[in-house]
Amino acid sequence: MQKLTDKDLAEQHGIKNPGGIYYNLPIPTLYEEVIRREEGLIGEGGTLVAYTGVHTGRSPADRFIVKDPGTENYILWGPVNKAISPEHFDSLHKKILDYYEGKDLFVRDLNVCAHPDYSTNVRVINEYAWHNVFVNNLFIRPNPQVLPHKSVGFTVLCAPGVKADPQTDGTRSETFIILNFEKRMAIIGGTEYAGEMKKSVFSALNFLLPDRGVFPMHCSANVGKKGDVALFFGLSGTGKTTLSADPDRALIGDDEHGWFDNGVFNFEGGCYAKAIKLNPKKEPEIYKASLRFGSVLENVKVDDETKKIDFDSDEHTENTRVAYQIDSLTNIVPEGVGGIPKTIFMLTYDAFGVLPPISKLTPEQAMYYFTLGYTAKVAGTERGVSEPQATFSSCFGAPFLPRPPLFYAGMLKDKLEESGAKVWLLNTGITGGPYGVGDRMPLPQTRALVTAAVDGTLEKGSFNEVPVFGLQVPTSCPGVDEKLLEPKKSWNDPAEYDSKAAELAARFEEEFSKHKA
C-alpha cells in the first residue's frame, strides 16, 4: 500500500498544508492516537469507547441536499430533504478546507456495495481518530494492495470543529450535514455523532443506484442452506436485526442492501446496532462483538476503575450504539452477496394490537404497506409519549430516501413481478388487546412464523381474511397458538377490537393519501 501525500490531497480535494496525513492507519495505531489525543478510552474486551457530546443521535433538521439542475426535478424536497444552494455548499466546503490547514487528518480509503459490478470507492477524511476506526468498521475494507484509490467515487469530509453561521450559510443551526450529488461529496460539521457519516453515504446510494438499475433498500437479509434469500424491512424497534440473526440462516447484512438483476448485495462491511440493554443471553453474538478489540461503543457508561461496560445505563443517552465489523459474527456470508429474494417480510410493531402476527400480502398490498412504512411508538420510548402513537416512515427509511416514496415502491413492484417473491406483513407488536392490556407477541412464536413462511409451510396451508384490513391470515402454524393468528379472537371485547381496527385503518388511508398526489 502506498501513502497519500500532501500533493494528493491538494490535487484531489483542495486540502492544503495539513498538519499530518494519517492514511489507512492500522487499528492498533489508531487506538494509540485516540488515547494520545484524549478522544476516548478503552473498555472491557478492548472495545473503543467514545462520547459524542450534545449530539447523541442524527440531526435530521440539519441535513441538506444541494439543489442544482441534476437534482431539482428528482428529489422529494421538503422537511426531510431540505434544499441548500450550491453557493452555500461551496462556502461551507471552503470553511472545512481552511479549517483543515495545519490539522492532523485521518484519511481512509474504503468501499461500499459488496458486489464487484457496483463497488464504489469511498474516501473519508476525519478530524478525529476514533471516527476513522468507526468508518473502517462500517464500510467495506479493500485489499491494501489496491490502495490508495486512483479515483474516488464518493468523498466524506467530517469536521466536527467547523460551525456554520445560519445567518450567512443558509443552515438552521451551527450543525450541518450536506450532500452534493454532482460533486459526489458529503460535508459534515458541528456534530461528533459518527452515524452521520454512515447515513450520508447510504442516502447517496439511495439516490445514485436506481440510475444503474439497482433497487436500494433499508432492510436486513439472510440466506438458507438451499440458497433461499429472505429480506426484512422494518423501522427501529420492530426486530429487524434480531429476526435476521437466525442460527439456521447466514447473515448477508443487517441494514442496507441493493437488489440488482441477479440478486442482492450488502452496502456495508459492518453493523451499527443499538446497545441499550444489550443482553448476552438474548443476543449473544452482538454482545460478544461489542466487547472486542476494534469495535466502537458510543455513549455507553463505563466504570472508571474496572472499565466494565454498563449496557443497561442510559446516563448519556438511550441511543447508545455499537459499530463492529460484520465478520465479528460467525454465521455470515463473507462475500456480502446473495441470490434473488424468495421471501420478504415487512415488520411492524403494532401497539394497537389489531394487526395479525403474520399476513400474506398481494403485490398491491405490498406496495401499500411498503409506502406507509407503519409502526407505533409506545410510552417510554420518547419524551412526551404517554400512549401508543402511529408513526409512518415511507419505504421503511424515509429519512434516507431522496426520491419520492412511490418511485421506490415502483422499483419494488417491478422486482416482485420479476422474482415472484412472497411478501408477508409481520407484526412483532402487541396481541390480545392494545398496549397496556395485551402482551407483546412472544419472540419464539414470531420466529416460528418466520420459519414457516420461509420454508413454504404457511403458503401450503389455508387462510382466512381478516375484516377491515382485508389481510389473508394462515389458519395454523407449527409452534404457534391458533388464537394468536386472528387478533380479534384474543380480545376480551370484540366490539372494542372492531373500533380500534377501524381507527387504525382510517389512519392508514389518511397517510397513504399523502402519496397519491
Protein backbone atom coordinates (compact mmCIF):
# COMPACT_ATOMS: atom_id res chain seq x y z
CA MET A 1 0.00 0.00 0.00
CA GLN A 2 1.37 3.40 -1.00
CA LYS A 3 0.96 6.50 1.13
CA LEU A 4 -1.18 9.52 0.39
CA THR A 5 0.80 12.76 0.10
CA ASP A 6 0.13 16.46 0.66
CA LYS A 7 0.15 16.82 -3.12
CA ASP A 8 -2.52 14.15 -3.49
CA LEU A 9 -4.84 15.88 -1.01
CA ALA A 10 -4.26 19.25 -2.66
CA GLU A 11 -4.89 18.00 -6.19
CA GLN A 12 -7.83 15.69 -5.42
CA HIS A 13 -9.59 17.56 -2.60
CA GLY A 14 -8.20 21.08 -2.41
CA ILE A 15 -6.77 20.44 1.07
CA LYS A 16 -3.59 22.47 1.55
CA ASN A 17 -0.90 22.27 4.20
CA PRO A 18 -2.40 19.71 6.61
CA GLY A 19 -0.51 19.18 9.84
CA GLY A 20 -0.12 15.47 9.17
CA ILE A 21 -1.72 12.81 6.99
CA TYR A 22 -2.55 9.58 8.80
CA TYR A 23 -3.54 7.35 5.91
CA ASN A 24 -5.28 4.00 6.49
CA LEU A 25 -3.51 3.51 9.79
CA PRO A 26 -3.65 0.05 11.37
CA ILE A 27 -6.36 -0.08 14.03
CA PRO A 28 -3.86 -0.53 16.93
CA THR A 29 -2.11 2.65 15.78
CA LEU A 30 -5.43 4.50 15.61
CA TYR A 31 -6.14 3.34 19.17
CA GLU A 32 -2.85 4.93 20.23
CA GLU A 33 -3.86 8.18 18.55
CA VAL A 34 -7.29 8.13 20.23
CA ILE A 35 -5.72 7.74 23.66
CA ARG A 36 -2.95 10.26 22.99
CA ARG A 37 -5.48 12.86 21.83
CA GLU A 38 -7.90 12.01 24.68
CA GLU A 39 -10.73 11.31 22.24
CA GLY A 40 -11.95 8.17 24.01
CA LEU A 41 -10.99 5.26 26.24
CA ILE A 42 -10.55 1.51 26.09
CA GLY A 43 -13.25 -0.55 27.77
CA GLU A 44 -13.51 -4.21 28.73
CA GLY A 45 -12.59 -6.65 26.00
CA GLY A 46 -10.56 -3.95 24.23
CA THR A 47 -13.53 -2.13 22.73
CA LEU A 48 -13.07 1.58 21.99
CA VAL A 49 -15.48 3.88 23.85
CA ALA A 50 -16.22 7.41 22.64
CA TYR A 51 -18.68 10.13 23.54
CA THR A 52 -20.39 12.39 21.03
CA GLY A 53 -21.22 15.43 23.16
CA VAL A 54 -24.60 17.11 22.76
CA HIS A 55 -25.39 15.19 19.57
CA THR A 56 -26.17 11.63 20.68
CA GLY A 57 -28.12 10.85 17.53
CA ARG A 58 -28.64 12.09 13.99
CA SER A 59 -29.61 15.72 13.37
CA PRO A 60 -32.26 15.37 10.64
CA ALA A 61 -33.28 19.03 10.86
CA ASP A 62 -29.72 19.99 9.89
CA ARG A 63 -29.41 17.72 6.87
CA PHE A 64 -29.49 19.29 3.38
CA ILE A 65 -29.15 18.31 -0.26
CA VAL A 66 -27.68 20.69 -2.80
CA LYS A 67 -30.38 21.80 -5.23
CA ASP A 68 -28.94 22.03 -8.73
CA PRO A 69 -30.01 21.10 -12.28
CA GLY A 70 -29.12 17.46 -11.63
CA THR A 71 -31.35 17.12 -8.57
CA GLU A 72 -34.03 19.79 -8.91
CA ASN A 73 -36.64 17.56 -10.58
CA TYR A 74 -35.76 14.24 -8.93
CA ILE A 75 -35.65 14.92 -5.18
CA LEU A 76 -38.69 14.95 -2.90
CA TRP A 77 -37.96 18.38 -1.46
CA GLY A 78 -39.45 19.19 1.93
CA PRO A 79 -38.83 18.74 5.66
CA VAL A 80 -36.80 15.54 5.13
CA ASN A 81 -34.81 16.58 2.06
CA LYS A 82 -34.17 20.26 2.65
CA ALA A 83 -32.64 22.22 -0.22
CA ILE A 84 -29.49 24.30 0.01
CA SER A 85 -27.85 26.30 -2.77
CA PRO A 86 -24.57 25.35 -4.47
CA GLU A 87 -23.18 28.69 -3.28
CA HIS A 88 -23.90 27.89 0.38
CA PHE A 89 -22.37 24.44 -0.07
CA ASP A 90 -19.23 25.93 -1.62
CA SER A 91 -18.92 28.41 1.25
CA LEU A 92 -19.13 25.71 3.91
CA HIS A 93 -16.86 23.43 1.91
CA LYS A 94 -14.25 26.22 1.90
CA LYS A 95 -14.67 26.62 5.66
CA ILE A 96 -13.75 22.98 6.11
CA LEU A 97 -10.77 23.21 3.74
CA ASP A 98 -9.50 26.28 5.60
CA TYR A 99 -10.06 24.53 8.93
CA TYR A 100 -8.08 21.51 7.78
CA GLU A 101 -4.94 23.64 7.23
CA GLY A 102 -2.45 22.76 9.92
CA LYS A 103 -4.72 19.99 11.26
CA ASP A 104 -3.76 16.34 11.52
CA LEU A 105 -6.11 14.42 9.24
CA PHE A 106 -7.12 10.78 9.37
CA VAL A 107 -7.79 9.60 5.83
CA ARG A 108 -9.31 6.22 5.00
CA ASP A 109 -9.98 4.62 1.62
CA LEU A 110 -12.85 2.14 1.75
CA ASN A 111 -15.60 0.72 -0.45
CA VAL A 112 -19.37 0.37 -0.42
CA CYS A 113 -21.52 -2.17 -2.27
CA ALA A 114 -20.25 -5.75 -1.91
CA HIS A 115 -20.94 -6.86 -5.49
CA PRO A 116 -17.89 -6.09 -7.67
CA ASP A 117 -20.03 -4.69 -10.50
CA TYR A 118 -21.38 -1.98 -8.19
CA SER A 119 -18.47 -1.48 -5.82
CA THR A 120 -17.80 2.22 -5.22
CA ASN A 121 -14.63 3.78 -3.82
CA VAL A 122 -15.21 5.97 -0.78
CA ARG A 123 -12.68 8.24 0.87
CA VAL A 124 -13.39 9.54 4.38
CA ILE A 125 -11.33 12.41 5.80
CA ASN A 126 -11.67 12.79 9.56
CA GLU A 127 -10.66 15.27 12.21
CA TYR A 128 -10.94 12.54 14.87
CA ALA A 129 -9.02 9.27 15.02
CA TRP A 130 -11.97 7.40 16.57
CA HIS A 131 -14.18 8.41 13.64
CA ASN A 132 -11.63 6.72 11.40
CA VAL A 133 -11.99 3.49 13.40
CA PHE A 134 -15.78 3.79 13.09
CA VAL A 135 -15.84 4.08 9.29
CA ASN A 136 -13.36 1.23 8.98
CA ASN A 137 -15.91 -0.95 10.79
CA LEU A 138 -18.97 0.18 8.88
CA PHE A 139 -17.75 0.28 5.30
CA ILE A 140 -16.05 -2.44 3.24
CA ARG A 141 -12.32 -2.82 3.78
CA PRO A 142 -10.46 -3.24 0.46
CA ASN A 143 -7.25 -5.16 -0.11
CA PRO A 144 -4.41 -2.81 0.93
CA GLN A 145 -2.55 -3.71 -2.26
CA VAL A 146 -5.05 -1.75 -4.38
CA LEU A 147 -4.73 1.41 -2.26
CA PRO A 148 -4.75 4.33 -2.41
CA HIS A 149 -7.79 4.77 -4.62
CA LYS A 150 -6.83 6.03 -8.05
CA SER A 151 -10.25 7.62 -8.36
CA VAL A 152 -12.71 8.40 -5.59
CA GLY A 153 -16.38 7.67 -6.21
CA PHE A 154 -17.64 9.49 -3.11
CA THR A 155 -15.91 11.66 -0.52
CA VAL A 156 -16.90 12.41 3.07
CA LEU A 157 -15.31 15.38 4.83
CA CYS A 158 -16.08 15.27 8.55
CA ALA A 159 -15.00 18.24 10.65
CA PRO A 160 -16.96 18.49 13.92
CA GLY A 161 -14.95 21.58 14.88
CA VAL A 162 -16.39 23.60 11.98
CA LYS A 163 -19.53 25.54 12.88
CA ALA A 164 -21.93 27.05 10.37
CA ASP A 165 -23.32 30.58 10.66
CA PRO A 166 -27.06 30.30 9.97
CA GLN A 167 -27.22 33.97 9.02
CA THR A 168 -24.80 33.58 6.13
CA ASP A 169 -24.57 29.84 5.42
CA GLY A 170 -28.24 29.03 4.80
CA THR A 171 -28.39 26.49 7.64
CA ARG A 172 -30.74 26.10 10.60
CA SER A 173 -28.01 25.97 13.23
CA GLU A 174 -24.25 25.59 13.63
CA THR A 175 -24.61 21.91 12.66
CA PHE A 176 -24.71 20.82 9.02
CA ILE A 177 -24.80 17.59 7.05
CA ILE A 178 -24.87 18.37 3.33
CA LEU A 179 -24.99 16.01 0.36
CA ASN A 180 -23.79 17.20 -3.04
CA PHE A 181 -24.63 14.59 -5.68
CA GLU A 182 -23.00 16.49 -8.54
CA LYS A 183 -19.68 16.58 -6.69
CA ARG A 184 -20.22 13.13 -5.12
CA MET A 185 -19.44 14.55 -1.70
CA ALA A 186 -20.82 14.89 1.83
CA ILE A 187 -19.60 17.56 4.24
CA ILE A 188 -20.33 17.31 7.96
CA GLY A 189 -19.69 19.91 10.66
CA GLY A 190 -20.84 20.85 14.14
CA THR A 191 -21.63 17.28 15.26
CA GLU A 192 -19.47 14.47 16.60
CA TYR A 193 -22.14 11.78 16.05
CA ALA A 194 -20.41 9.19 13.85
CA GLY A 195 -23.63 7.79 12.39
CA GLU A 196 -23.94 10.88 10.17
CA MET A 197 -21.09 9.53 8.02
CA LYS A 198 -22.73 6.14 7.51
CA LYS A 199 -26.17 7.57 6.76
CA SER A 200 -24.80 10.21 4.37
CA VAL A 201 -23.23 7.54 2.17
CA PHE A 202 -26.37 5.38 2.44
CA SER A 203 -28.56 8.32 1.36
CA ALA A 204 -26.26 8.99 -1.58
CA LEU A 205 -26.53 5.37 -2.74
CA ASN A 206 -30.32 5.59 -2.46
CA PHE A 207 -30.23 8.41 -5.00
CA LEU A 208 -27.48 7.18 -7.31
CA LEU A 209 -28.02 3.41 -7.59
CA PRO A 210 -31.50 3.46 -9.21
CA ASP A 211 -29.88 5.02 -12.29
CA ARG A 212 -27.89 1.78 -12.54
CA GLY A 213 -30.96 -0.43 -12.22
CA VAL A 214 -30.42 -1.23 -8.53
CA PHE A 215 -33.28 -1.02 -6.03
CA PRO A 216 -31.77 0.34 -2.75
CA MET A 217 -33.37 -0.99 0.42
CA HIS A 218 -33.29 -0.29 4.16
CA CYS A 219 -33.52 -3.93 5.20
CA SER A 220 -31.59 -6.87 6.59
CA ALA A 221 -31.01 -10.02 4.53
CA ASN A 222 -30.14 -13.64 5.22
CA VAL A 223 -29.91 -16.88 3.24
CA GLY A 224 -30.75 -20.51 3.98
CA LYS A 225 -28.70 -23.60 3.27
CA LYS A 226 -30.52 -24.03 -0.07
CA GLY A 227 -29.63 -20.51 -1.18
CA ASP A 228 -33.07 -19.04 -0.49
CA VAL A 229 -32.75 -15.33 0.38
CA ALA A 230 -35.11 -13.52 2.75
CA LEU A 231 -35.38 -9.75 3.30
CA PHE A 232 -36.55 -8.00 6.48
CA PHE A 233 -37.81 -4.43 6.12
CA GLY A 234 -38.53 -2.66 9.40
CA LEU A 235 -38.13 0.50 11.41
CA SER A 236 -36.27 0.77 14.70
CA GLY A 237 -37.64 -1.48 17.42
CA THR A 238 -39.51 -3.90 15.16
CA GLY A 239 -36.96 -6.73 15.38
CA LYS A 240 -35.20 -6.45 12.02
CA THR A 241 -31.74 -7.22 13.37
CA THR A 242 -32.95 -9.83 15.85
CA LEU A 243 -35.01 -11.85 13.36
CA SER A 244 -32.43 -11.80 10.58
CA ALA A 245 -29.83 -13.20 13.01
CA ASP A 246 -31.15 -16.75 12.58
CA PRO A 247 -28.84 -19.61 13.66
CA ASP A 248 -30.07 -21.69 10.70
CA ARG A 249 -29.50 -18.97 8.11
CA ALA A 250 -26.39 -16.98 7.19
CA LEU A 251 -26.49 -13.19 7.50
CA ILE A 252 -25.81 -11.21 4.32
CA GLY A 253 -26.18 -7.88 6.11
CA ASP A 254 -28.33 -6.23 8.77
CA ASP A 255 -29.25 -2.79 7.46
CA GLU A 256 -28.71 -1.70 3.84
CA HIS A 257 -28.85 -3.66 0.58
CA GLY A 258 -29.23 -3.30 -3.16
CA TRP A 259 -31.40 -5.56 -5.34
CA PHE A 260 -29.96 -5.94 -8.83
CA ASP A 261 -30.92 -8.23 -11.72
CA ASN A 262 -29.25 -11.33 -10.28
CA GLY A 263 -29.74 -10.94 -6.55
CA VAL A 264 -28.93 -8.69 -3.59
CA PHE A 265 -25.74 -7.27 -2.11
CA ASN A 266 -24.82 -5.64 1.18
CA PHE A 267 -23.85 -1.97 1.06
CA GLU A 268 -21.64 -2.26 4.12
CA GLY A 269 -18.88 -4.19 5.81
CA GLY A 270 -20.18 -3.85 9.34
CA CYS A 271 -23.13 -3.38 11.67
CA TYR A 272 -24.30 -0.36 13.66
CA ALA A 273 -26.55 -1.75 16.38
CA LYS A 274 -28.38 -0.27 19.32
CA ALA A 275 -26.56 -1.17 22.51
CA ILE A 276 -29.05 -0.15 25.20
CA LYS A 277 -29.86 -3.13 27.44
CA LEU A 278 -27.75 -5.41 25.26
CA ASN A 279 -28.00 -8.85 26.85
CA PRO A 280 -25.58 -11.77 26.38
CA LYS A 281 -28.39 -14.32 26.69
CA LYS A 282 -30.81 -12.72 24.20
CA GLU A 283 -28.25 -11.50 21.65
CA PRO A 284 -25.01 -13.36 22.40
CA GLU A 285 -23.26 -12.67 19.08
CA ILE A 286 -23.87 -8.92 19.12
CA TYR A 287 -22.86 -8.80 22.78
CA LYS A 288 -19.64 -10.64 22.04
CA ALA A 289 -18.90 -8.43 19.01
CA SER A 290 -19.40 -5.32 21.17
CA LEU A 291 -16.68 -6.31 23.62
CA ARG A 292 -13.78 -6.95 21.31
CA PHE A 293 -10.77 -5.02 20.09
CA GLY A 294 -11.64 -2.78 17.15
CA SER A 295 -15.34 -2.35 17.91
CA VAL A 296 -16.59 1.14 18.81
CA LEU A 297 -19.12 1.84 21.56
CA GLU A 298 -20.80 5.23 21.56
CA ASN A 299 -22.07 6.99 24.69
CA VAL A 300 -22.17 3.94 26.96
CA LYS A 301 -21.41 4.14 30.67
CA VAL A 302 -18.04 2.73 31.72
CA ASP A 303 -16.84 2.03 35.23
CA ASP A 304 -13.87 4.32 35.87
CA GLU A 305 -11.84 1.66 37.68
CA THR A 306 -12.76 -1.70 36.12
CA LYS A 307 -13.62 -0.36 32.62
CA LYS A 308 -16.65 -2.66 32.68
CA ILE A 309 -19.44 -1.61 30.31
CA ASP A 310 -22.92 -0.93 31.72
CA PHE A 311 -25.21 -1.62 28.77
CA ASP A 312 -28.32 -1.02 30.90
CA SER A 313 -27.44 2.59 31.67
CA ASP A 314 -28.96 5.48 29.71
CA GLU A 315 -26.93 8.05 31.63
CA HIS A 316 -25.59 9.59 28.42
CA THR A 317 -28.46 8.66 26.09
CA GLU A 318 -30.90 5.86 25.40
CA ASN A 319 -29.47 5.79 21.86
CA THR A 320 -26.23 4.02 22.82
CA ARG A 321 -24.64 2.32 19.82
CA VAL A 322 -22.01 -0.19 18.81
CA ALA A 323 -20.19 -0.34 15.47
CA TYR A 324 -18.44 -3.60 14.63
CA GLN A 325 -17.19 -5.42 11.56
CA ILE A 326 -19.66 -7.95 10.18
CA ASP A 327 -17.02 -10.67 10.30
CA SER A 328 -17.14 -10.33 14.10
CA LEU A 329 -20.22 -12.55 13.73
CA THR A 330 -19.85 -16.25 12.96
CA ASN A 331 -22.76 -17.15 10.67
CA ILE A 332 -22.37 -14.70 7.79
CA VAL A 333 -21.97 -14.61 4.02
CA PRO A 334 -18.41 -13.25 3.74
CA GLU A 335 -18.93 -12.04 0.15
CA GLY A 336 -21.99 -9.99 1.20
CA VAL A 337 -23.94 -11.16 -1.88
CA GLY A 338 -26.99 -13.41 -2.22
CA GLY A 339 -29.40 -14.59 -4.89
CA ILE A 340 -32.80 -13.24 -5.88
CA PRO A 341 -35.04 -12.96 -2.79
CA LYS A 342 -37.68 -15.63 -2.32
CA THR A 343 -39.37 -14.23 0.80
CA ILE A 344 -39.89 -10.67 2.01
CA PHE A 345 -41.03 -9.60 5.46
CA MET A 346 -42.36 -6.13 6.27
CA LEU A 347 -42.07 -5.74 10.03
CA THR A 348 -44.30 -3.55 12.16
CA TYR A 349 -44.71 -3.05 15.89
CA ASP A 350 -48.48 -2.56 16.15
CA ALA A 351 -49.11 -1.20 19.64
CA PHE A 352 -52.86 -1.10 18.99
CA GLY A 353 -52.98 -4.90 18.93
CA VAL A 354 -55.20 -5.21 15.87
CA LEU A 355 -52.88 -6.43 13.10
CA PRO A 356 -52.37 -10.20 12.80
CA PRO A 357 -48.94 -11.58 13.75
CA ILE A 358 -48.46 -12.56 10.10
CA SER A 359 -50.40 -11.90 6.90
CA LYS A 360 -49.81 -12.87 3.29
CA LEU A 361 -49.80 -9.77 1.08
CA THR A 362 -50.85 -9.41 -2.53
CA PRO A 363 -48.49 -7.32 -4.70
CA GLU A 364 -50.92 -4.38 -4.34
CA GLN A 365 -50.98 -4.72 -0.56
CA ALA A 366 -47.19 -4.99 -0.53
CA MET A 367 -46.96 -1.64 -2.32
CA TYR A 368 -49.44 -0.15 0.14
CA TYR A 369 -47.66 -1.23 3.33
CA PHE A 370 -44.23 -0.51 1.86
CA THR A 371 -45.30 3.04 1.03
CA LEU A 372 -46.80 3.50 4.52
CA GLY A 373 -43.84 2.09 6.50
CA TYR A 374 -46.05 1.81 9.59
CA THR A 375 -45.04 1.11 13.17
CA ALA A 376 -46.03 2.59 16.53
CA LYS A 377 -44.26 4.45 19.30
CA VAL A 378 -45.18 3.41 22.81
CA ALA A 379 -44.98 5.10 26.19
CA GLY A 380 -41.43 5.47 27.45
CA THR A 381 -39.67 5.31 24.10
CA GLU A 382 -39.65 9.09 23.61
CA ARG A 383 -40.20 12.08 25.85
CA GLY A 384 -43.86 13.11 25.81
CA VAL A 385 -45.21 9.79 24.51
CA SER A 386 -47.79 8.61 27.06
CA GLU A 387 -49.92 6.39 24.85
CA PRO A 388 -49.39 4.49 21.58
CA GLN A 389 -48.83 6.70 18.54
CA ALA A 390 -48.98 5.50 14.95
CA THR A 391 -45.88 6.58 13.07
CA PHE A 392 -45.02 6.25 9.40
CA SER A 393 -41.70 6.22 7.60
CA SER A 394 -42.30 5.54 3.91
CA CYS A 395 -40.40 2.61 2.43
CA PHE A 396 -39.17 1.88 5.96
CA GLY A 397 -36.47 4.52 5.61
CA ALA A 398 -37.89 7.97 4.78
CA PRO A 399 -35.03 9.98 6.37
CA PHE A 400 -32.57 8.44 3.90
CA LEU A 401 -34.63 8.42 0.69
CA PRO A 402 -34.02 11.44 -1.54
CA ARG A 403 -36.53 10.41 -4.22
CA PRO A 404 -40.35 10.23 -3.79
CA PRO A 405 -41.68 7.11 -1.99
CA LEU A 406 -43.74 5.98 -4.98
CA PHE A 407 -40.54 5.91 -7.04
CA TYR A 408 -39.03 3.30 -4.72
CA ALA A 409 -42.37 1.49 -4.41
CA GLY A 410 -42.43 1.21 -8.20
CA MET A 411 -38.98 -0.38 -8.12
CA LEU A 412 -40.19 -2.90 -5.54
CA LYS A 413 -43.23 -3.70 -7.68
CA ASP A 414 -41.00 -4.43 -10.67
CA LYS A 415 -38.74 -6.67 -8.58
CA LEU A 416 -41.70 -8.60 -7.19
CA GLU A 417 -43.12 -9.19 -10.66
CA GLU A 418 -39.74 -10.40 -11.94
CA SER A 419 -38.89 -12.59 -8.94
CA GLY A 420 -42.25 -13.93 -7.79
CA ALA A 421 -41.12 -13.37 -4.19
CA LYS A 422 -43.75 -13.88 -1.49
CA VAL A 423 -44.41 -10.91 0.79
CA TRP A 424 -45.56 -11.14 4.41
CA LEU A 425 -46.60 -8.44 6.89
CA LEU A 426 -45.13 -9.44 10.25
CA ASN A 427 -46.47 -7.82 13.43
CA THR A 428 -43.94 -8.07 16.24
CA GLY A 429 -46.00 -5.80 18.48
CA ILE A 430 -48.94 -6.31 20.81
CA THR A 431 -51.60 -9.04 20.78
CA GLY A 432 -54.65 -9.74 22.98
CA GLY A 433 -55.59 -6.08 23.36
CA PRO A 434 -53.99 -2.63 22.97
CA TYR A 435 -50.72 -1.59 24.59
CA GLY A 436 -51.14 -1.76 28.38
CA VAL A 437 -53.71 -4.54 28.13
CA GLY A 438 -52.29 -7.06 25.68
CA ASP A 439 -48.84 -8.64 25.65
CA ARG A 440 -46.02 -8.44 23.16
CA MET A 441 -46.02 -11.21 20.57
CA PRO A 442 -43.68 -13.88 22.00
CA LEU A 443 -40.36 -13.96 20.14
CA PRO A 444 -40.29 -17.80 19.84
CA GLN A 445 -43.67 -17.77 18.10
CA THR A 446 -42.61 -14.91 15.82
CA ARG A 447 -39.54 -16.95 14.88
CA ALA A 448 -41.79 -19.96 14.21
CA LEU A 449 -43.92 -17.85 11.86
CA VAL A 450 -40.82 -16.61 10.01
CA THR A 451 -39.51 -20.16 9.64
CA ALA A 452 -42.84 -21.44 8.35
CA ALA A 453 -43.08 -18.59 5.84
CA VAL A 454 -39.53 -19.11 4.60
CA ASP A 455 -39.78 -22.90 4.19
CA GLY A 456 -43.17 -22.71 2.43
CA THR A 457 -45.28 -24.31 5.18
CA LEU A 458 -47.62 -21.33 5.51
CA GLU A 459 -48.11 -20.98 1.77
CA LYS A 460 -49.33 -24.58 1.56
CA GLY A 461 -51.96 -24.11 4.29
CA SER A 462 -55.37 -22.43 4.35
CA PHE A 463 -56.11 -18.75 5.04
CA ASN A 464 -58.87 -16.61 6.48
CA GLU A 465 -59.50 -12.99 5.56
CA VAL A 466 -59.32 -10.50 8.41
CA PRO A 467 -62.08 -7.86 8.18
CA VAL A 468 -61.26 -4.14 7.91
CA PHE A 469 -57.73 -4.67 6.55
CA GLY A 470 -58.57 -7.45 4.07
CA LEU A 471 -55.46 -9.37 5.06
CA GLN A 472 -55.00 -13.10 4.43
CA VAL A 473 -54.06 -14.85 7.67
CA PRO A 474 -52.97 -18.50 7.94
CA THR A 475 -55.32 -20.68 9.97
CA SER A 476 -52.47 -22.60 11.58
CA CYS A 477 -48.71 -22.69 12.02
CA PRO A 478 -46.50 -25.23 13.76
CA GLY A 479 -45.50 -23.98 17.20
CA VAL A 480 -47.99 -21.09 17.27
CA ASP A 481 -51.21 -20.85 19.29
CA GLU A 482 -54.06 -20.55 16.77
CA LYS A 483 -55.75 -17.92 18.97
CA LEU A 484 -52.84 -15.58 18.23
CA LEU A 485 -53.24 -15.80 14.47
CA GLU A 486 -56.51 -13.85 14.40
CA PRO A 487 -56.17 -11.00 16.92
CA LYS A 488 -59.91 -10.41 17.39
CA LYS A 489 -60.26 -13.87 18.95
CA SER A 490 -57.76 -12.94 21.67
CA TRP A 491 -59.50 -9.69 22.67
CA ASN A 492 -61.95 -9.78 25.59
CA ASP A 493 -64.26 -7.31 23.83
CA PRO A 494 -64.68 -7.99 20.06
CA ALA A 495 -66.54 -4.69 19.59
CA GLU A 496 -63.59 -2.79 21.06
CA TYR A 497 -61.30 -4.61 18.62
CA ASP A 498 -63.51 -3.57 15.68
CA SER A 499 -63.44 0.04 16.82
CA LYS A 500 -59.66 0.13 17.24
CA ALA A 501 -59.10 -1.65 13.91
CA ALA A 502 -61.32 0.85 12.09
CA GLU A 503 -59.45 3.71 13.75
CA LEU A 504 -56.06 2.38 12.60
CA ALA A 505 -57.33 1.61 9.07
CA ALA A 506 -58.52 5.21 8.80
CA ARG A 507 -55.06 6.41 9.79
CA PHE A 508 -53.58 4.22 7.07
CA GLU A 509 -55.84 5.72 4.41
CA GLU A 510 -55.13 9.26 5.61
CA GLU A 511 -51.38 8.64 5.42
CA PHE A 512 -51.46 6.87 2.07
CA SER A 513 -53.49 9.69 0.50
CA LYS A 514 -50.49 11.99 1.02
CA HIS A 515 -48.52 9.94 -1.52
CA LYS A 516 -51.19 9.76 -4.24
CA ALA A 517 -50.93 13.34 -5.43
